[in-house]
Amino acid sequence: MVGGVIQVLGELLITVGLILILFVVWQLWWTNLESDKAQADAVDQMKQNFRDSGSLDDSGKGPEDPIIGEAPAHGQGIGIMYIPRFGEAYERPVIQGTGRDVLDTLGVGHYESTAMPGDIGNFAVAGHRQTNGKVFDQIDKLVTGDRIYVRTAQGYYTYVFRNNEIVLPSQTDVIAPVPGYPGEEPQDRIMTLTSCNPRFGSTERIIAYAVFEGWQPNSAGPPPPIADLVGKDQ
């Protein structure tokens, strides 16, 4: 009798172990495959939309005086993010919203209450590290001075990475117009990247800050560091 119970318990533990292994494989492998395909399709669609929209009137607009696009509806595309530090082939869609419908499939999500690319204030985004495309897997590898590029229908916005910090999930003031100082009037153009920390956990958040460096219209072509990736067929 006792031996039979032990055998049943042993079989149950083996079954549970197999289920957990399959779950981990699904999380760390299959969700990335699915998300990579969805994100690549979204990038291709945005590039097509940019071509179809043609060049905007950018007369009188200089590198420090960017055109600011209007925020789209939830789930709609804002632009494409390029971070050379994350690899020469890194290009990910930036989508409006930070719900699971965006982050679990479409990549980088834009906090809807924050600034648009190039605007004064805080252009804040979120992304996963190890699952669902792991768009910010290497966020901890950014080095001061690294460039982050965001391409929209208006043009290319360049930000320069400044520093990162680790905070608790409750510290939402990191996406305030002036990060860390809610209620203060912004004077600068900031980008904030947020993701889970540690790499295989979510008890903390890792925050990366970058400052605006400049802007150029699509008609000027991409900045040299990402020209090959953007391609001649922009």
Protein backbone atom coordinates (compact mmCIF):
# COMPACT_ATOMS: atom_id res chain seq x y z
CA MET A 1 0.00 0.00 0.00
CA VAL A 2 2.69 2.46 1.05
CA GLY A 3 4.81 1.47 -1.91
CA GLY A 4 1.91 2.14 -4.27
CA VAL A 5 1.36 5.62 -2.81
CA ILE A 6 5.04 6.45 -3.13
CA GLN A 7 5.02 5.27 -6.75
CA VAL A 8 1.98 7.44 -7.56
CA LEU A 9 3.56 10.46 -5.86
CA GLY A 10 6.78 9.86 -7.74
CA GLU A 11 4.95 9.73 -11.06
CA LEU A 12 3.06 12.91 -10.19
CA LEU A 13 6.30 14.73 -9.36
CA ILE A 14 7.83 13.59 -12.64
CA THR A 15 4.75 14.82 -14.51
CA VAL A 16 4.83 18.18 -12.73
CA GLY A 17 8.55 18.47 -13.49
CA LEU A 18 7.96 17.82 -17.18
CA ILE A 19 5.16 20.39 -17.27
CA LEU A 20 7.44 22.98 -15.66
CA ILE A 21 10.21 22.22 -18.15
CA LEU A 22 7.78 22.58 -21.06
CA PHE A 23 6.53 25.86 -19.60
CA VAL A 24 10.07 27.23 -19.36
CA VAL A 25 10.82 26.15 -22.93
CA TRP A 26 7.63 27.85 -24.09
CA GLN A 27 8.48 31.05 -22.20
CA LEU A 28 12.14 31.31 -23.19
CA TRP A 29 12.02 29.91 -26.72
CA TRP A 30 8.61 29.70 -28.36
CA THR A 31 7.33 33.13 -27.22
CA ASN A 32 10.50 34.67 -28.63
CA LEU A 33 10.02 32.98 -32.01
CA GLU A 34 6.41 34.14 -32.23
CA SER A 35 7.21 37.68 -31.12
CA ASP A 36 10.24 38.00 -33.42
CA LYS A 37 8.02 37.21 -36.41
CA ALA A 38 5.29 39.63 -35.33
CA GLN A 39 7.82 42.38 -34.66
CA ALA A 40 9.58 41.89 -38.00
CA ASP A 41 6.23 42.13 -39.77
CA ALA A 42 5.40 45.32 -37.84
CA VAL A 43 8.75 46.87 -38.80
CA ASP A 44 8.22 46.02 -42.48
CA GLN A 45 4.72 47.49 -42.39
CA MET A 46 5.95 50.73 -40.83
CA LYS A 47 8.72 51.07 -43.39
CA GLN A 48 6.11 50.69 -46.10
CA ASN A 49 3.92 53.29 -44.43
CA PHE A 50 6.86 55.69 -44.24
CA ARG A 51 7.53 55.25 -47.96
CA ASP A 52 3.88 55.74 -48.83
CA SER A 53 3.56 58.90 -46.73
CA GLY A 54 6.35 60.65 -48.63
CA SER A 55 8.52 63.48 -47.30
CA LEU A 56 7.02 66.02 -44.93
CA ASP A 57 7.58 69.74 -45.14
CA ASP A 58 10.53 70.17 -42.80
CA SER A 59 11.48 73.68 -43.87
CA GLY A 60 12.92 75.67 -41.02
CA LYS A 61 13.40 72.61 -38.87
CA GLY A 62 16.93 72.01 -37.60
CA PRO A 63 18.54 69.17 -35.63
CA GLU A 64 17.47 70.71 -32.32
CA ASP A 65 13.99 71.69 -33.51
CA PRO A 66 12.31 68.39 -34.42
CA ILE A 67 8.88 67.78 -35.85
CA ILE A 68 6.73 66.04 -33.24
CA GLY A 69 4.22 63.45 -34.40
CA GLU A 70 0.79 62.97 -32.90
CA ALA A 71 0.26 60.05 -30.56
CA PRO A 72 -1.59 57.20 -32.31
CA ALA A 73 -4.34 55.03 -30.86
CA HIS A 74 -3.50 52.18 -28.52
CA GLY A 75 -1.83 49.30 -30.33
CA GLN A 76 -0.80 51.41 -33.32
CA GLY A 77 2.77 51.92 -34.46
CA ILE A 78 4.84 54.97 -33.52
CA GLY A 79 8.15 54.10 -35.10
CA ILE A 80 11.17 51.82 -35.22
CA MET A 81 13.90 51.72 -32.58
CA TYR A 82 17.55 51.05 -33.41
CA ILE A 83 20.16 50.40 -30.69
CA PRO A 84 23.54 49.45 -32.21
CA ARG A 85 24.83 48.31 -28.81
CA PHE A 86 22.22 45.52 -28.93
CA GLY A 87 23.56 44.18 -32.23
CA GLU A 88 23.99 45.33 -35.82
CA ALA A 89 20.62 43.81 -36.78
CA TYR A 90 18.61 45.30 -33.90
CA GLU A 91 15.45 47.06 -35.08
CA ARG A 92 12.22 46.83 -33.10
CA PRO A 93 8.78 48.39 -33.50
CA VAL A 94 7.62 50.97 -30.97
CA ILE A 95 3.90 50.55 -30.34
CA GLN A 96 1.48 52.75 -28.42
CA GLY A 97 0.61 51.22 -25.05
CA THR A 98 2.25 49.04 -22.43
CA GLY A 99 -0.44 46.39 -21.88
CA ARG A 100 0.24 42.70 -22.38
CA ASP A 101 -1.39 42.90 -25.82
CA VAL A 102 1.54 45.10 -26.87
CA LEU A 103 4.50 43.95 -24.79
CA ASP A 104 3.84 40.22 -25.18
CA THR A 105 3.71 40.37 -28.97
CA LEU A 106 4.74 43.63 -30.58
CA GLY A 107 7.90 44.56 -28.71
CA VAL A 108 8.62 48.01 -27.33
CA GLY A 109 5.61 49.68 -25.75
CA HIS A 110 5.21 53.43 -25.30
CA TYR A 111 3.74 54.69 -22.04
CA GLU A 112 0.71 56.54 -23.35
CA SER A 113 0.93 59.34 -20.77
CA THR A 114 4.49 60.29 -21.78
CA ALA A 115 6.01 62.44 -24.52
CA MET A 116 6.34 61.46 -28.15
CA PRO A 117 9.79 61.07 -29.76
CA GLY A 118 11.68 64.35 -29.85
CA ASP A 119 9.23 66.26 -27.67
CA ILE A 120 10.12 68.11 -24.48
CA GLY A 121 9.49 65.80 -21.57
CA ASN A 122 10.01 62.07 -21.15
CA PHE A 123 9.57 59.66 -24.05
CA ALA A 124 9.22 56.51 -21.94
CA VAL A 125 9.03 52.93 -23.21
CA ALA A 126 8.94 49.40 -21.79
CA GLY A 127 9.98 45.96 -23.00
CA HIS A 128 10.66 42.40 -21.90
CA ARG A 129 14.16 41.06 -21.23
CA GLN A 130 13.97 37.27 -21.63
CA THR A 131 10.59 36.45 -23.18
CA ASN A 132 8.26 37.63 -25.94
CA GLY A 133 11.04 38.86 -28.20
CA LYS A 134 13.32 39.96 -25.31
CA VAL A 135 13.60 43.43 -26.81
CA PHE A 136 15.57 44.83 -23.86
CA ASP A 137 17.61 41.73 -23.04
CA GLN A 138 20.86 43.73 -23.09
CA ILE A 139 19.62 46.90 -21.42
CA ASP A 140 22.26 46.48 -18.71
CA LYS A 141 25.01 46.47 -21.38
CA LEU A 142 24.43 50.08 -22.49
CA VAL A 143 27.50 52.30 -22.12
CA THR A 144 27.47 56.04 -21.54
CA GLY A 145 27.50 57.70 -24.97
CA ASP A 146 25.69 54.90 -26.80
CA ARG A 147 23.20 56.17 -29.38
CA ILE A 148 19.58 55.12 -29.52
CA TYR A 149 17.69 55.97 -32.71
CA VAL A 150 13.95 56.18 -33.23
CA ARG A 151 12.54 56.49 -36.72
CA THR A 152 8.98 57.73 -37.24
CA ALA A 153 7.02 59.08 -40.18
CA GLN A 154 8.56 62.45 -39.34
CA GLY A 155 12.21 61.44 -39.31
CA TYR A 156 15.06 60.10 -37.17
CA TYR A 157 15.45 61.08 -33.52
CA THR A 158 18.80 60.45 -31.84
CA TYR A 159 19.21 60.00 -28.10
CA VAL A 160 22.44 59.44 -26.14
CA PHE A 161 22.46 57.00 -23.24
CA ARG A 162 23.38 58.67 -19.96
CA ASN A 163 22.96 56.24 -17.06
CA ASN A 164 20.83 53.52 -15.56
CA GLU A 165 19.45 52.67 -12.13
CA ILE A 166 17.61 49.86 -10.36
CA VAL A 167 14.31 50.74 -8.70
CA LEU A 168 11.32 49.01 -7.16
CA PRO A 169 8.24 48.38 -9.36
CA SER A 170 6.34 50.94 -7.26
CA GLN A 171 8.67 53.77 -8.29
CA THR A 172 6.63 54.97 -11.25
CA ASP A 173 8.07 58.48 -11.07
CA VAL A 174 10.83 57.29 -13.42
CA ILE A 175 8.45 57.95 -16.32
CA ALA A 176 7.42 61.41 -15.06
CA PRO A 177 8.10 64.34 -17.47
CA VAL A 178 11.16 65.02 -15.31
CA PRO A 179 12.20 61.51 -14.17
CA GLY A 180 12.15 61.24 -10.42
CA TYR A 181 10.45 64.61 -9.93
CA PRO A 182 6.72 64.26 -10.57
CA GLY A 183 4.95 67.58 -11.02
CA GLU A 184 8.06 69.45 -12.15
CA GLU A 185 7.90 71.27 -15.49
CA PRO A 186 10.21 69.62 -18.04
CA GLN A 187 12.84 71.58 -19.91
CA ASP A 188 14.72 68.75 -21.60
CA ARG A 189 13.96 65.97 -24.05
CA ILE A 190 14.52 62.64 -22.29
CA MET A 191 14.08 58.99 -23.25
CA THR A 192 13.51 56.36 -20.56
CA LEU A 193 13.72 52.61 -21.18
CA THR A 194 12.21 50.34 -18.51
CA SER A 195 12.41 46.58 -18.06
CA CYS A 196 12.36 43.88 -15.40
CA ASN A 197 15.30 43.11 -13.16
CA PRO A 198 17.07 40.79 -12.50
CA ARG A 199 17.35 39.28 -15.95
CA PHE A 200 15.27 36.20 -15.09
CA GLY A 201 13.08 37.89 -12.49
CA SER A 202 10.76 40.81 -11.91
CA THR A 203 11.26 41.91 -8.32
CA GLU A 204 12.89 45.14 -9.50
CA ARG A 205 12.99 47.39 -12.54
CA ILE A 206 16.06 48.46 -14.49
CA ILE A 207 15.78 51.97 -15.89
CA ALA A 208 17.95 53.42 -18.65
CA TYR A 209 17.99 57.16 -19.34
CA ALA A 210 19.04 58.89 -22.54
CA VAL A 211 19.06 62.54 -23.60
CA PHE A 212 18.04 63.99 -26.96
CA GLU A 213 20.90 64.80 -29.31
CA GLY A 214 19.29 65.70 -32.62
CA TRP A 215 16.78 65.05 -35.39
CA GLN A 216 16.79 64.77 -39.15
CA PRO A 217 13.93 64.26 -41.60
CA ASN A 218 13.45 61.02 -43.50
CA SER A 219 14.39 62.88 -46.67
CA ALA A 220 17.93 63.29 -45.28
CA GLY A 221 18.33 59.53 -44.97
CA PRO A 222 19.27 57.56 -41.87
CA PRO A 223 22.14 58.44 -39.52
CA PRO A 224 25.33 56.67 -40.73
CA PRO A 225 25.54 54.11 -37.87
CA ILE A 226 22.21 52.54 -38.91
CA ALA A 227 22.27 53.25 -42.65
CA ASP A 228 23.09 49.67 -43.63
CA LEU A 229 20.33 48.25 -41.48
CA VAL A 230 17.70 50.70 -42.63
CA GLY A 231 18.77 49.92 -46.20
CA LYS A 232 18.53 51.76 -49.44
CA ASP A 233 14.86 50.82 -49.73
CA GLN A 234 13.77 52.92 -46.78
